[in-house]
């Protein structure tokens, strides 16, 4: 069945809007980068252009990319768990997925999510913005890799091992809350959604960390 003309037009407008928003973000980032370099130079701080760019990138990853990735992964996780087995789930990002149904959360649960988001953002800024951390990671990977392809493969392997270890801890912690609950109760469904959110937060954090490390290494090595 061919998509209707209004739907096609709506998708086209969304694509144009996304491209426009991305272009504006790139331009704003460049202007901010240049402005910070000029400002720090006038204030007398001896900070390289590359280091300013790395800190700016780490801030964007922590404050923009991290919460958006958590939201996207959470929606994908929920749809994956509730998708019919005989129908293939669309690729991540290929088509809009239904929103996760809202659930009633107690104040400690909401506070815990806020704490996770804040700690995740702070750790991303430190791990992706600190030159000492980036140089240490780069030196470690260089020691055990011979070419650029093996460097990237090793970096992805380290990210996969880190994500797997964090997921095991999160699933073990959340599964304890599910034990003894009846599957048809509201408490069970709420706990399942909480489990999906924390698992999504782990995956999103590792993805953002991997992206931030790669771009930071490129900036420091090329500028």
Protein backbone atom coordinates (compact mmCIF):
# COMPACT_ATOMS: atom_id res chain seq x y z
CA UNK A 1 0.00 0.00 0.00
CA UNK A 2 1.39 3.39 -0.99
CA UNK A 3 1.58 6.02 1.76
CA UNK A 4 -0.94 8.82 1.50
CA UNK A 5 0.16 12.22 0.25
CA UNK A 6 -0.36 13.99 3.61
CA UNK A 7 1.75 11.35 5.37
CA UNK A 8 4.50 11.66 2.77
CA UNK A 9 4.45 15.44 3.06
CA UNK A 10 4.56 15.20 6.86
CA UNK A 11 7.59 12.89 6.75
CA UNK A 12 9.32 15.23 4.30
CA UNK A 13 8.70 18.21 6.58
CA UNK A 14 10.05 16.25 9.55
CA UNK A 15 13.20 15.37 7.59
CA UNK A 16 13.71 18.98 6.54
CA UNK A 17 13.15 20.15 10.11
CA UNK A 18 15.68 17.64 11.46
CA UNK A 19 18.27 18.68 8.89
CA UNK A 20 17.66 22.33 9.71
CA UNK A 21 17.91 21.72 13.45
CA UNK A 22 21.13 19.74 13.00
CA UNK A 23 22.63 22.47 10.81
CA UNK A 24 21.73 25.13 13.38
CA UNK A 25 23.28 23.02 16.15
CA UNK A 26 26.51 22.64 14.16
CA UNK A 27 26.72 26.38 13.45
CA UNK A 28 25.92 27.25 17.07
CA UNK A 29 28.61 24.82 18.25
CA UNK A 30 31.22 26.35 15.94
CA UNK A 31 30.37 29.90 17.00
CA UNK A 32 30.43 28.89 20.66
CA UNK A 33 33.78 27.17 20.15
CA UNK A 34 35.32 30.24 18.54
CA UNK A 35 33.78 32.52 21.16
CA UNK A 36 35.15 30.46 24.04
CA UNK A 37 38.64 30.38 22.51
CA UNK A 38 38.65 34.18 22.12
CA UNK A 39 37.18 34.74 25.60
CA UNK A 40 39.66 32.46 27.37
CA UNK A 41 42.55 34.04 25.48
CA UNK A 42 41.49 37.53 26.55
CA UNK A 43 41.10 36.36 30.15
CA UNK A 44 44.65 35.05 30.06
CA UNK A 45 43.94 31.33 30.29
CA UNK A 46 46.40 29.15 28.36
CA UNK A 47 43.94 26.65 26.90
CA UNK A 48 44.46 25.15 23.47
CA UNK A 49 41.82 25.28 20.75
CA UNK A 50 41.59 21.49 20.79
CA UNK A 51 41.01 21.33 24.54
CA UNK A 52 38.24 23.93 24.35
CA UNK A 53 36.62 21.92 21.56
CA UNK A 54 36.85 18.71 23.59
CA UNK A 55 35.22 20.26 26.65
CA UNK A 56 32.48 21.78 24.48
CA UNK A 57 31.86 18.44 22.79
CA UNK A 58 31.72 16.65 26.14
CA UNK A 59 29.14 19.16 27.37
CA UNK A 60 26.96 18.63 24.29
CA UNK A 61 27.22 14.86 24.62
CA UNK A 62 26.31 15.01 28.32
CA UNK A 63 23.49 17.56 28.21
CA UNK A 64 21.94 16.91 24.78
CA UNK A 65 22.91 13.53 23.37
CA UNK A 66 22.74 11.58 26.65
CA UNK A 67 19.10 12.35 27.66
CA UNK A 68 17.85 12.05 24.06
CA UNK A 69 19.56 8.68 23.66
CA UNK A 70 18.07 7.44 26.93
CA UNK A 71 14.61 8.45 25.73
CA UNK A 72 15.07 6.78 22.35
CA UNK A 73 16.49 3.56 23.78
CA UNK A 74 13.72 3.41 26.41
CA UNK A 75 11.06 3.64 23.71
CA UNK A 76 12.83 1.01 21.61
CA UNK A 77 13.24 -1.33 24.60
CA UNK A 78 9.56 -1.09 25.49
CA UNK A 79 8.44 -1.71 21.90
CA UNK A 80 10.88 -4.63 21.60
CA UNK A 81 9.44 -6.30 24.69
CA UNK A 82 5.82 -5.79 23.61
CA UNK A 83 6.21 -6.43 19.87
CA UNK A 84 4.48 -9.52 18.41
CA UNK A 85 6.92 -12.37 17.94
CA UNK A 86 5.84 -13.08 14.36
CA UNK A 87 6.45 -9.50 13.22
CA UNK A 88 9.98 -8.10 12.79
CA UNK A 89 10.73 -4.97 14.78
CA UNK A 90 11.84 -2.04 12.60
CA UNK A 91 15.47 -1.01 12.80
CA UNK A 92 16.32 1.56 15.45
CA UNK A 93 15.60 4.99 14.00
CA UNK A 94 14.06 3.72 10.76
CA UNK A 95 10.45 4.54 11.71
CA UNK A 96 8.71 6.30 14.59
CA UNK A 97 7.79 3.93 17.41
CA UNK A 98 4.84 4.29 19.80
CA UNK A 99 5.51 6.20 22.98
CA UNK A 100 5.95 4.31 26.23
CA UNK A 101 2.71 4.49 28.25
CA UNK A 102 3.01 6.79 31.26
CA UNK A 103 3.21 5.14 34.65
CA UNK A 104 2.58 6.47 38.11
CA UNK A 105 5.90 6.79 39.92
CA UNK A 106 6.54 7.59 43.54
CA UNK A 107 8.77 10.51 44.44
CA UNK A 108 11.80 8.29 45.28
CA UNK A 109 11.54 6.64 41.84
CA UNK A 110 11.47 10.01 40.06
CA UNK A 111 14.33 11.26 42.20
CA UNK A 112 16.36 8.15 41.37
CA UNK A 113 15.94 8.78 37.64
CA UNK A 114 17.05 12.38 38.05
CA UNK A 115 20.10 11.25 40.03
CA UNK A 116 21.01 8.72 37.31
CA UNK A 117 20.70 11.38 34.60
CA UNK A 118 22.78 13.89 36.57
CA UNK A 119 25.50 11.38 37.45
CA UNK A 120 25.57 10.13 33.87
CA UNK A 121 25.94 13.66 32.51
CA UNK A 122 28.67 14.56 35.01
CA UNK A 123 30.65 11.39 34.29
CA UNK A 124 30.38 11.94 30.53
CA UNK A 125 31.72 15.47 30.87
CA UNK A 126 34.68 14.25 32.92
CA UNK A 127 35.44 11.15 30.83
CA UNK A 128 35.01 12.82 27.43
CA UNK A 129 36.36 16.27 28.33
CA UNK A 130 39.41 15.60 30.48
CA UNK A 131 42.55 15.50 28.36
CA UNK A 132 44.28 13.24 30.88
CA UNK A 133 41.52 10.64 30.60
CA UNK A 134 41.50 10.79 26.80
CA UNK A 135 45.27 10.47 26.58
CA UNK A 136 45.22 7.54 29.02
CA UNK A 137 42.54 5.73 27.00
CA UNK A 138 44.40 6.45 23.78
CA UNK A 139 47.68 5.14 25.22
CA UNK A 140 46.03 1.98 26.52
CA UNK A 141 44.42 1.22 23.16
CA UNK A 142 47.63 2.01 21.28
CA UNK A 143 49.52 -0.46 23.45
CA UNK A 144 47.27 -3.36 22.50
CA UNK A 145 46.48 -2.48 18.88
CA UNK A 146 48.63 -2.30 15.76
CA UNK A 147 46.52 -0.45 13.18
CA UNK A 148 43.67 2.04 13.15
CA UNK A 149 41.18 -0.74 12.39
CA UNK A 150 42.29 -2.81 15.37
CA UNK A 151 42.29 0.39 17.49
CA UNK A 152 38.60 0.95 16.76
CA UNK A 153 37.79 -2.74 17.21
CA UNK A 154 39.47 -2.76 20.61
CA UNK A 155 37.65 0.42 21.64
CA UNK A 156 34.33 -1.14 20.67
CA UNK A 157 35.23 -4.34 22.52
CA UNK A 158 36.01 -2.39 25.69
CA UNK A 159 32.70 -0.52 25.34
CA UNK A 160 30.83 -3.81 24.84
CA UNK A 161 32.44 -5.40 27.92
CA UNK A 162 31.65 -2.30 29.99
CA UNK A 163 28.03 -2.25 28.79
CA UNK A 164 27.62 -5.98 29.47
CA UNK A 165 28.98 -5.67 33.00
CA UNK A 166 26.71 -2.70 33.80
CA UNK A 167 23.69 -4.45 32.29
CA UNK A 168 24.29 -7.55 34.40
CA UNK A 169 24.34 -5.41 37.55
CA UNK A 170 21.23 -3.45 36.56
CA UNK A 171 19.24 -6.54 35.55
CA UNK A 172 20.26 -8.35 38.74
CA UNK A 173 19.19 -5.35 40.83
CA UNK A 174 15.85 -4.84 39.04
CA UNK A 175 15.04 -8.57 38.82
CA UNK A 176 15.09 -8.74 42.61
CA UNK A 177 12.13 -6.34 42.67
CA UNK A 178 10.20 -8.48 40.17
CA UNK A 179 10.50 -11.65 42.25
CA UNK A 180 7.24 -12.54 43.95
CA UNK A 181 5.11 -10.15 41.87
CA UNK A 182 2.21 -11.40 39.80
CA UNK A 183 2.61 -10.58 36.07
CA UNK A 184 -0.95 -9.23 35.75
CA UNK A 185 -0.58 -6.59 38.47
CA UNK A 186 0.13 -2.89 38.06
CA UNK A 187 3.17 -3.15 40.34
CA UNK A 188 4.72 -5.78 38.09
CA UNK A 189 4.17 -3.75 34.92
CA UNK A 190 5.56 -0.65 36.61
CA UNK A 191 8.64 -2.56 37.77
CA UNK A 192 9.14 -3.93 34.24
CA UNK A 193 9.07 -0.41 32.81
CA UNK A 194 11.53 0.72 35.45
CA UNK A 195 13.81 -2.16 34.47
CA UNK A 196 13.58 -1.15 30.80
CA UNK A 197 14.44 2.45 31.67
CA UNK A 198 17.55 1.57 33.67
CA UNK A 199 18.73 -0.90 31.02
CA UNK A 200 18.18 1.78 28.38
CA UNK A 201 20.13 4.28 30.47
CA UNK A 202 23.10 1.89 30.63
CA UNK A 203 23.09 1.29 26.86
CA UNK A 204 22.68 5.00 26.12
CA UNK A 205 25.49 5.97 28.51
CA UNK A 206 27.96 3.55 26.94
CA UNK A 207 26.96 4.70 23.43
CA UNK A 208 27.49 8.35 24.38
CA UNK A 209 30.79 7.51 26.08
CA UNK A 210 32.01 5.66 22.99
CA UNK A 211 30.98 8.51 20.70
CA UNK A 212 32.53 11.16 22.94
CA UNK A 213 35.81 9.29 23.28
CA UNK A 214 36.14 8.75 19.52
CA UNK A 215 35.45 12.39 18.64
CA UNK A 216 37.66 13.68 21.47
CA UNK A 217 40.57 11.51 20.34
CA UNK A 218 40.13 12.78 16.78
CA UNK A 219 40.03 16.44 17.92
CA UNK A 220 43.13 16.14 20.10
CA UNK A 221 45.10 14.28 17.45
CA UNK A 222 44.18 16.50 14.51
CA UNK A 223 44.19 20.00 16.03
